[in-house]
Amino acid sequence: MLYWFFVKGLGPIAIHRLGPTAKGLENIPRQGGAIIAANHLAVIDDALLPLTCPRMIHFMGKAEYFEGKGIKGKFKKWWFTSVGVFPVDRSGGSKSLGALNHAREILEDGHLFGIHIEGTRSPDGRLYKGHTGAARLAFETGCPIVPTAIIGSRELQVPGQVIPNKGKSTVIYGEPIAVEKKAADEITHDDLRSLTDRVTMEIQRMSGQEYVDEYAQKVKERLKAEQAAASETSASEAKA
């Protein structure tokens, strides 16, 4: 697998540019399955976690990364598979269950699974309401959740920016939250919401972000609709 080749071989270049400082490494279990649940500020977050974590982290990736055609599509699929990323259909429902089942297998096999609890990048740098997928995996496997705060990545790579600026960033791994394993039919919505909120608030405490009790994806959809409406208004006024 190419994961360690890129972390160890190309890592020094990324470290020189992104300047990550890792705190709380003692909180990452040395062995056994665990969930690294982090906030999400920039694309480079998915580089900062592997660069600072002493164990390999498996991640989900958009299904589109694995569905391309031709040489480029095959290369992207090979690339993401080689570095420990597996596909997830983000439309939700039954289409997302396959990815969650795979994540559960990764945890049960004693590996680390990384997930951004907000489900998408923050639209404005604030911390948004967490999705319950990480909590469900924790209850179903009995694996602990390590709340993880990424700080400074948005300043290095603003939305739409491809090559990040040179600067400093921090990744703080919080104390693991132990979770008692439960049968799937015994896990309640209150169980999931309570654990998710606990993890989110711990991330907020470490990152210092302002918290918004709303899903980031909903905010993005609203902003997109508002921008589209504003564009239509401007176009209409220009024709008048």
C-alpha atoms as a PDB file:
ATOM      1  CA  MET A   1       0.000   0.000   0.000  1.00  0.00           C
ATOM      2  CA  LEU A   2       1.264   3.481  -0.920  1.00  0.00           C
ATOM      3  CA  TYR A   3      -0.001   5.149   2.253  1.00  0.00           C
ATOM      4  CA  TRP A   4       3.297   5.059   4.111  1.00  0.00           C
ATOM      5  CA  PHE A   5       5.293   5.853   0.981  1.00  0.00           C
ATOM      6  CA  PHE A   6       3.456   9.151   0.660  1.00  0.00           C
ATOM      7  CA  VAL A   7       3.443   9.875   4.413  1.00  0.00           C
ATOM      8  CA  LYS A   8       7.132   9.099   4.907  1.00  0.00           C
ATOM      9  CA  GLY A   9       8.446   9.889   1.429  1.00  0.00           C
ATOM     10  CA  LEU A  10       6.503  13.023   0.518  1.00  0.00           C
ATOM     11  CA  GLY A  11       5.522  13.909   4.066  1.00  0.00           C
ATOM     12  CA  PRO A  12       8.570  16.089   4.781  1.00  0.00           C
ATOM     13  CA  ILE A  13       7.639  18.355   1.848  1.00  0.00           C
ATOM     14  CA  ALA A  14       4.072  18.722   3.130  1.00  0.00           C
ATOM     15  CA  ILE A  15       5.273  19.240   6.701  1.00  0.00           C
ATOM     16  CA  HIS A  16       7.626  22.007   5.550  1.00  0.00           C
ATOM     17  CA  ARG A  17       4.748  23.803   3.836  1.00  0.00           C
ATOM     18  CA  LEU A  18       1.886  23.134   6.278  1.00  0.00           C
ATOM     19  CA  GLY A  19       3.917  23.277   9.497  1.00  0.00           C
ATOM     20  CA  PRO A  20       1.718  20.899  11.525  1.00  0.00           C
ATOM     21  CA  THR A  21       2.147  20.589  15.278  1.00  0.00           C
ATOM     22  CA  ALA A  22       0.598  17.487  16.844  1.00  0.00           C
ATOM     23  CA  LYS A  23      -0.697  17.499  20.396  1.00  0.00           C
ATOM     24  CA  GLY A  24      -2.201  14.663  22.417  1.00  0.00           C
ATOM     25  CA  LEU A  25      -0.576  11.820  20.489  1.00  0.00           C
ATOM     26  CA  GLU A  26      -0.673   9.802  23.708  1.00  0.00           C
ATOM     27  CA  ASN A  27      -4.472   9.777  23.337  1.00  0.00           C
ATOM     28  CA  ILE A  28      -4.338   7.693  20.155  1.00  0.00           C
ATOM     29  CA  PRO A  29      -4.673   4.006  21.114  1.00  0.00           C
ATOM     30  CA  ARG A  30      -1.478   2.146  20.264  1.00  0.00           C
ATOM     31  CA  GLN A  31      -3.450  -0.817  19.007  1.00  0.00           C
ATOM     32  CA  GLY A  32      -7.014  -1.842  18.303  1.00  0.00           C
ATOM     33  CA  GLY A  33      -9.789  -0.055  16.475  1.00  0.00           C
ATOM     34  CA  ALA A  34     -10.616   3.588  17.160  1.00  0.00           C
ATOM     35  CA  ILE A  35     -12.461   6.407  15.422  1.00  0.00           C
ATOM     36  CA  ILE A  36     -10.622   9.668  14.731  1.00  0.00           C
ATOM     37  CA  ALA A  37     -13.509  12.170  14.617  1.00  0.00           C
ATOM     38  CA  ALA A  38     -12.355  15.588  13.440  1.00  0.00           C
ATOM     39  CA  ASN A  39     -13.684  18.954  12.357  1.00  0.00           C
ATOM     40  CA  HIS A  40     -13.292  19.923   8.699  1.00  0.00           C
ATOM     41  CA  LEU A  41     -11.966  23.299   7.564  1.00  0.00           C
ATOM     42  CA  ALA A  42     -10.016  22.648   4.340  1.00  0.00           C
ATOM     43  CA  VAL A  43      -9.070  19.989   1.805  1.00  0.00           C
ATOM     44  CA  ILE A  44      -5.622  19.694   3.406  1.00  0.00           C
ATOM     45  CA  ASP A  45      -7.219  18.356   6.612  1.00  0.00           C
ATOM     46  CA  ASP A  46      -7.000  14.912   5.023  1.00  0.00           C
ATOM     47  CA  ALA A  47      -3.242  15.373   4.767  1.00  0.00           C
ATOM     48  CA  LEU A  48      -2.750  16.857   8.229  1.00  0.00           C
ATOM     49  CA  LEU A  49      -4.262  13.825   9.970  1.00  0.00           C
ATOM     50  CA  PRO A  50      -1.991  11.207   8.322  1.00  0.00           C
ATOM     51  CA  LEU A  51       1.026  13.502   8.704  1.00  0.00           C
ATOM     52  CA  THR A  52       0.519  13.788  12.460  1.00  0.00           C
ATOM     53  CA  CYS A  53      -0.895  10.370  13.387  1.00  0.00           C
ATOM     54  CA  PRO A  54       1.594   7.553  14.120  1.00  0.00           C
ATOM     55  CA  ARG A  55      -0.892   4.923  12.871  1.00  0.00           C
ATOM     56  CA  MET A  56      -2.498   4.572   9.467  1.00  0.00           C
ATOM     57  CA  ILE A  57      -5.951   6.134   9.185  1.00  0.00           C
ATOM     58  CA  HIS A  58      -8.547   4.799   6.747  1.00  0.00           C
ATOM     59  CA  PHE A  59     -10.938   7.364   5.268  1.00  0.00           C
ATOM     60  CA  MET A  60     -14.114   7.519   3.219  1.00  0.00           C
ATOM     61  CA  GLY A  61     -14.019   9.355  -0.106  1.00  0.00           C
ATOM     62  CA  LYS A  62     -16.705  10.588  -2.487  1.00  0.00           C
ATOM     63  CA  ALA A  63     -17.941   7.792  -4.752  1.00  0.00           C
ATOM     64  CA  GLU A  64     -17.212  10.050  -7.733  1.00  0.00           C
ATOM     65  CA  TYR A  65     -13.487   9.568  -7.094  1.00  0.00           C
ATOM     66  CA  PHE A  66     -13.866   5.891  -7.953  1.00  0.00           C
ATOM     67  CA  GLU A  67     -16.264   6.121 -10.896  1.00  0.00           C
ATOM     68  CA  GLY A  68     -14.231   7.995 -13.495  1.00  0.00           C
ATOM     69  CA  LYS A  69     -13.670   6.477 -16.919  1.00  0.00           C
ATOM     70  CA  GLY A  70     -10.594   6.151 -19.054  1.00  0.00           C
ATOM     71  CA  ILE A  71      -6.985   6.269 -17.932  1.00  0.00           C
ATOM     72  CA  LYS A  72      -7.547   9.249 -15.632  1.00  0.00           C
ATOM     73  CA  GLY A  73     -10.516   7.566 -13.941  1.00  0.00           C
ATOM     74  CA  LYS A  74      -8.622   4.320 -13.421  1.00  0.00           C
ATOM     75  CA  PHE A  75      -5.636   6.204 -12.038  1.00  0.00           C
ATOM     76  CA  LYS A  76      -7.777   8.104  -9.512  1.00  0.00           C
ATOM     77  CA  LYS A  77      -9.428   4.877  -8.364  1.00  0.00           C
ATOM     78  CA  TRP A  78      -6.025   3.205  -7.958  1.00  0.00           C
ATOM     79  CA  TRP A  79      -4.637   6.237  -6.145  1.00  0.00           C
ATOM     80  CA  PHE A  80      -7.388   6.531  -3.551  1.00  0.00           C
ATOM     81  CA  THR A  81      -7.546   2.789  -2.974  1.00  0.00           C
ATOM     82  CA  SER A  82      -3.772   2.661  -2.462  1.00  0.00           C
ATOM     83  CA  VAL A  83      -3.777   5.376   0.211  1.00  0.00           C
ATOM     84  CA  GLY A  84      -6.536   3.801   2.287  1.00  0.00           C
ATOM     85  CA  VAL A  85      -9.590   5.659   0.957  1.00  0.00           C
ATOM     86  CA  PHE A  86     -12.805   3.788   0.143  1.00  0.00           C
ATOM     87  CA  PRO A  87     -15.934   5.109  -1.617  1.00  0.00           C
ATOM     88  CA  VAL A  88     -19.128   6.396  -0.035  1.00  0.00           C
ATOM     89  CA  ASP A  89     -22.299   7.470  -1.820  1.00  0.00           C
ATOM     90  CA  ARG A  90     -23.179  10.728  -0.040  1.00  0.00           C
ATOM     91  CA  SER A  91     -26.799  10.693  -1.161  1.00  0.00           C
ATOM     92  CA  GLY A  92     -27.538   8.869   2.093  1.00  0.00           C
ATOM     93  CA  GLY A  93     -29.984   6.110   2.959  1.00  0.00           C
ATOM     94  CA  SER A  94     -29.246   2.552   1.849  1.00  0.00           C
ATOM     95  CA  LYS A  95     -26.625   3.798  -0.632  1.00  0.00           C
ATOM     96  CA  SER A  96     -24.404   4.893   2.258  1.00  0.00           C
ATOM     97  CA  LEU A  97     -24.776   1.678   4.243  1.00  0.00           C
ATOM     98  CA  GLY A  98     -22.116  -0.158   2.251  1.00  0.00           C
ATOM     99  CA  ALA A  99     -19.490   2.387   3.247  1.00  0.00           C
ATOM    100  CA  LEU A 100     -20.539   2.249   6.897  1.00  0.00           C
ATOM    101  CA  ASN A 101     -20.355  -1.542   6.819  1.00  0.00           C
ATOM    102  CA  HIS A 102     -16.841  -1.318   5.393  1.00  0.00           C
ATOM    103  CA  ALA A 103     -15.872   1.193   8.071  1.00  0.00           C
ATOM    104  CA  ARG A 104     -17.182  -1.195  10.722  1.00  0.00           C
ATOM    105  CA  GLU A 105     -15.029  -3.995   9.286  1.00  0.00           C
ATOM    106  CA  ILE A 106     -11.966  -1.734   9.407  1.00  0.00           C
ATOM    107  CA  LEU A 107     -12.598  -1.000  13.087  1.00  0.00           C
ATOM    108  CA  GLU A 108     -13.314  -4.625  13.955  1.00  0.00           C
ATOM    109  CA  ASP A 109     -10.030  -5.594  12.281  1.00  0.00           C
ATOM    110  CA  GLY A 110      -8.243  -3.299  14.731  1.00  0.00           C
ATOM    111  CA  HIS A 111      -7.509  -0.286  12.499  1.00  0.00           C
ATOM    112  CA  LEU A 112      -8.136   3.446  12.776  1.00  0.00           C
ATOM    113  CA  PHE A 113     -11.017   5.003  10.885  1.00  0.00           C
ATOM    114  CA  GLY A 114     -11.068   8.758  10.265  1.00  0.00           C
ATOM    115  CA  ILE A 115     -14.221  10.775   9.744  1.00  0.00           C
ATOM    116  CA  HIS A 116     -15.142  14.451   9.615  1.00  0.00           C
ATOM    117  CA  ILE A 117     -18.079  14.628  11.972  1.00  0.00           C
ATOM    118  CA  GLU A 118     -19.671  17.635  10.221  1.00  0.00           C
ATOM    119  CA  GLY A 119     -19.956  15.614   6.999  1.00  0.00           C
ATOM    120  CA  THR A 120     -18.492  18.388   4.822  1.00  0.00           C
ATOM    121  CA  ARG A 121     -16.148  21.339   5.067  1.00  0.00           C
ATOM    122  CA  SER A 122     -17.309  24.268   7.139  1.00  0.00           C
ATOM    123  CA  PRO A 123     -18.592  27.057   4.856  1.00  0.00           C
ATOM    124  CA  ASP A 124     -17.249  29.819   7.097  1.00  0.00           C
ATOM    125  CA  GLY A 125     -14.784  28.384   9.621  1.00  0.00           C
ATOM    126  CA  ARG A 126     -17.350  27.773  12.351  1.00  0.00           C
ATOM    127  CA  LEU A 127     -18.086  24.313  13.789  1.00  0.00           C
ATOM    128  CA  TYR A 128     -21.383  22.805  12.662  1.00  0.00           C
ATOM    129  CA  LYS A 129     -23.733  20.156  14.030  1.00  0.00           C
ATOM    130  CA  GLY A 130     -22.279  16.666  13.879  1.00  0.00           C
ATOM    131  CA  HIS A 131     -23.711  13.741  11.959  1.00  0.00           C
ATOM    132  CA  THR A 132     -24.299  10.521  13.898  1.00  0.00           C
ATOM    133  CA  GLY A 133     -22.361   8.068  11.710  1.00  0.00           C
ATOM    134  CA  ALA A 134     -19.290   8.044  13.969  1.00  0.00           C
ATOM    135  CA  ALA A 135     -21.447   7.434  17.042  1.00  0.00           C
ATOM    136  CA  ARG A 136     -23.263   4.538  15.359  1.00  0.00           C
ATOM    137  CA  LEU A 137     -19.963   2.909  14.427  1.00  0.00           C
ATOM    138  CA  ALA A 138     -18.710   3.340  17.994  1.00  0.00           C
ATOM    139  CA  PHE A 139     -21.791   1.703  19.508  1.00  0.00           C
ATOM    140  CA  GLU A 140     -21.807  -1.141  16.985  1.00  0.00           C
ATOM    141  CA  THR A 141     -18.112  -1.955  17.474  1.00  0.00           C
ATOM    142  CA  GLY A 142     -17.405  -0.803  21.027  1.00  0.00           C
ATOM    143  CA  CYS A 143     -14.446   1.201  19.701  1.00  0.00           C
ATOM    144  CA  PRO A 144     -13.523   4.521  21.334  1.00  0.00           C
ATOM    145  CA  ILE A 145     -13.869   7.887  19.622  1.00  0.00           C
ATOM    146  CA  VAL A 146     -10.891  10.245  19.667  1.00  0.00           C
ATOM    147  CA  PRO A 147     -12.216  13.842  19.304  1.00  0.00           C
ATOM    148  CA  THR A 148      -9.747  15.664  17.070  1.00  0.00           C
ATOM    149  CA  ALA A 149      -9.425  19.399  16.479  1.00  0.00           C
ATOM    150  CA  ILE A 150      -7.720  20.777  13.379  1.00  0.00           C
ATOM    151  CA  ILE A 151      -6.645  24.404  13.712  1.00  0.00           C
ATOM    152  CA  GLY A 152      -5.264  26.802  11.108  1.00  0.00           C
ATOM    153  CA  SER A 153      -5.879  24.797   7.924  1.00  0.00           C
ATOM    154  CA  ARG A 154      -8.484  27.240   6.584  1.00  0.00           C
ATOM    155  CA  GLU A 155      -5.963  30.080   6.815  1.00  0.00           C
ATOM    156  CA  LEU A 156      -3.541  28.017   4.727  1.00  0.00           C
ATOM    157  CA  GLN A 157      -6.116  26.969   2.139  1.00  0.00           C
ATOM    158  CA  VAL A 158      -9.248  29.037   1.705  1.00  0.00           C
ATOM    159  CA  PRO A 159     -12.201  27.527  -0.176  1.00  0.00           C
ATOM    160  CA  GLY A 160     -11.401  27.229  -3.880  1.00  0.00           C
ATOM    161  CA  GLN A 161      -7.637  27.427  -3.360  1.00  0.00           C
ATOM    162  CA  VAL A 162      -5.699  24.460  -4.786  1.00  0.00           C
ATOM    163  CA  ILE A 163      -2.138  24.943  -3.545  1.00  0.00           C
ATOM    164  CA  PRO A 164      -2.056  25.837   0.158  1.00  0.00           C
ATOM    165  CA  ASN A 165      -0.040  28.713   1.547  1.00  0.00           C
ATOM    166  CA  LYS A 166       3.040  28.104   3.642  1.00  0.00           C
ATOM    167  CA  GLY A 167       2.326  28.456   7.339  1.00  0.00           C
ATOM    168  CA  LYS A 168       1.493  26.740  10.600  1.00  0.00           C
ATOM    169  CA  SER A 169      -1.294  24.379  11.639  1.00  0.00           C
ATOM    170  CA  THR A 170      -2.174  22.301  14.670  1.00  0.00           C
ATOM    171  CA  VAL A 171      -3.878  18.945  15.201  1.00  0.00           C
ATOM    172  CA  ILE A 172      -5.045  18.167  18.739  1.00  0.00           C
ATOM    173  CA  TYR A 173      -6.037  14.600  19.584  1.00  0.00           C
ATOM    174  CA  GLY A 174      -8.327  14.656  22.597  1.00  0.00           C
ATOM    175  CA  GLU A 175      -8.855  12.021  25.255  1.00  0.00           C
ATOM    176  CA  PRO A 176     -10.641   8.936  23.891  1.00  0.00           C
ATOM    177  CA  ILE A 177     -14.313   8.606  24.704  1.00  0.00           C
ATOM    178  CA  ALA A 178     -15.019   5.007  25.688  1.00  0.00           C
ATOM    179  CA  VAL A 179     -18.199   3.540  24.211  1.00  0.00           C
ATOM    180  CA  GLU A 180     -19.977   0.389  25.341  1.00  0.00           C
ATOM    181  CA  LYS A 181     -20.895  -1.915  22.488  1.00  0.00           C
ATOM    182  CA  LYS A 182     -24.609  -2.359  21.814  1.00  0.00           C
ATOM    183  CA  ALA A 183     -26.671  -4.515  19.508  1.00  0.00           C
ATOM    184  CA  ALA A 184     -27.867  -2.542  16.494  1.00  0.00           C
ATOM    185  CA  ASP A 185     -31.518  -2.830  17.531  1.00  0.00           C
ATOM    186  CA  GLU A 186     -30.716  -1.450  21.000  1.00  0.00           C
ATOM    187  CA  ILE A 187     -29.124   1.782  19.774  1.00  0.00           C
ATOM    188  CA  THR A 188     -31.549   4.669  20.132  1.00  0.00           C
ATOM    189  CA  HIS A 189     -31.635   8.044  18.425  1.00  0.00           C
ATOM    190  CA  ASP A 190     -30.975   9.656  21.811  1.00  0.00           C
ATOM    191  CA  ASP A 191     -27.869   7.471  22.210  1.00  0.00           C
ATOM    192  CA  LEU A 192     -26.548   8.617  18.840  1.00  0.00           C
ATOM    193  CA  ARG A 193     -27.385  12.286  19.304  1.00  0.00           C
ATOM    194  CA  SER A 194     -25.992  12.456  22.825  1.00  0.00           C
ATOM    195  CA  LEU A 195     -22.655  10.856  21.899  1.00  0.00           C
ATOM    196  CA  THR A 196     -22.344  12.913  18.720  1.00  0.00           C
ATOM    197  CA  ASP A 197     -22.971  16.142  20.612  1.00  0.00           C
ATOM    198  CA  ARG A 198     -20.449  15.141  23.270  1.00  0.00           C
ATOM    199  CA  VAL A 199     -17.765  14.570  20.622  1.00  0.00           C
ATOM    200  CA  THR A 200     -18.653  17.805  18.814  1.00  0.00           C
ATOM    201  CA  MET A 201     -18.490  19.866  21.991  1.00  0.00           C
ATOM    202  CA  GLU A 202     -15.110  18.391  22.850  1.00  0.00           C
ATOM    203  CA  ILE A 203     -13.832  19.356  19.406  1.00  0.00           C
ATOM    204  CA  GLN A 204     -15.262  22.854  19.941  1.00  0.00           C
ATOM    205  CA  ARG A 205     -13.509  23.143  23.308  1.00  0.00           C
ATOM    206  CA  MET A 206     -10.145  22.247  21.755  1.00  0.00           C
ATOM    207  CA  SER A 207     -10.491  24.224  18.517  1.00  0.00           C
ATOM    208  CA  GLY A 208     -12.100  27.339  19.995  1.00  0.00           C
ATOM    209  CA  GLN A 209     -14.522  27.540  17.059  1.00  0.00           C
ATOM    210  CA  GLU A 210     -17.932  29.141  17.324  1.00  0.00           C
ATOM    211  CA  TYR A 211     -20.591  26.400  17.280  1.00  0.00           C
ATOM    212  CA  VAL A 212     -23.628  26.448  14.993  1.00  0.00           C
ATOM    213  CA  ASP A 213     -26.484  24.055  15.789  1.00  0.00           C
ATOM    214  CA  GLU A 214     -27.248  23.378  12.139  1.00  0.00           C
ATOM    215  CA  TYR A 215     -25.870  20.970   9.527  1.00  0.00           C
ATOM    216  CA  ALA A 216     -23.160  22.525   7.363  1.00  0.00           C
ATOM    217  CA  GLN A 217     -24.559  20.956   4.199  1.00  0.00           C
ATOM    218  CA  LYS A 218     -27.913  22.673   4.755  1.00  0.00           C
ATOM    219  CA  VAL A 219     -26.156  26.012   5.153  1.00  0.00           C
ATOM    220  CA  LYS A 220     -24.186  25.432   1.951  1.00  0.00           C
ATOM    221  CA  GLU A 221     -27.366  24.606   0.049  1.00  0.00           C
ATOM    222  CA  ARG A 222     -29.029  27.762   1.337  1.00  0.00           C
ATOM    223  CA  LEU A 223     -26.044  29.928   0.424  1.00  0.00           C
ATOM    224  CA  LYS A 224     -25.939  28.393  -3.048  1.00  0.00           C
ATOM    225  CA  ALA A 225     -29.647  29.106  -3.556  1.00  0.00           C
ATOM    226  CA  GLU A 226     -29.201  32.693  -2.362  1.00  0.00           C
ATOM    227  CA  GLN A 227     -26.269  33.224  -4.722  1.00  0.00           C
ATOM    228  CA  ALA A 228     -28.262  31.788  -7.636  1.00  0.00           C
ATOM    229  CA  ALA A 229     -31.199  34.075  -6.836  1.00  0.00           C
ATOM    230  CA  ALA A 230     -28.887  37.093  -6.604  1.00  0.00           C
ATOM    231  CA  SER A 231     -27.349  36.219  -9.973  1.00  0.00           C
ATOM    232  CA  GLU A 232     -30.804  35.955 -11.559  1.00  0.00           C
ATOM    233  CA  THR A 233     -31.772  39.326 -10.117  1.00  0.00           C
ATOM    234  CA  SER A 234     -28.593  40.956 -11.429  1.00  0.00           C
ATOM    235  CA  ALA A 235     -29.148  39.419 -14.875  1.00  0.00           C
ATOM    236  CA  SER A 236     -32.749  40.660 -14.973  1.00  0.00           C
ATOM    237  CA  GLU A 237     -31.716  44.171 -13.938  1.00  0.00           C
ATOM    238  CA  ALA A 238     -29.019  44.219 -16.617  1.00  0.00           C
ATOM    239  CA  LYS A 239     -31.587  43.388 -19.308  1.00  0.00           C
ATOM    240  CA  ALA A 240     -34.049  46.010 -18.087  1.00  0.00           C
END
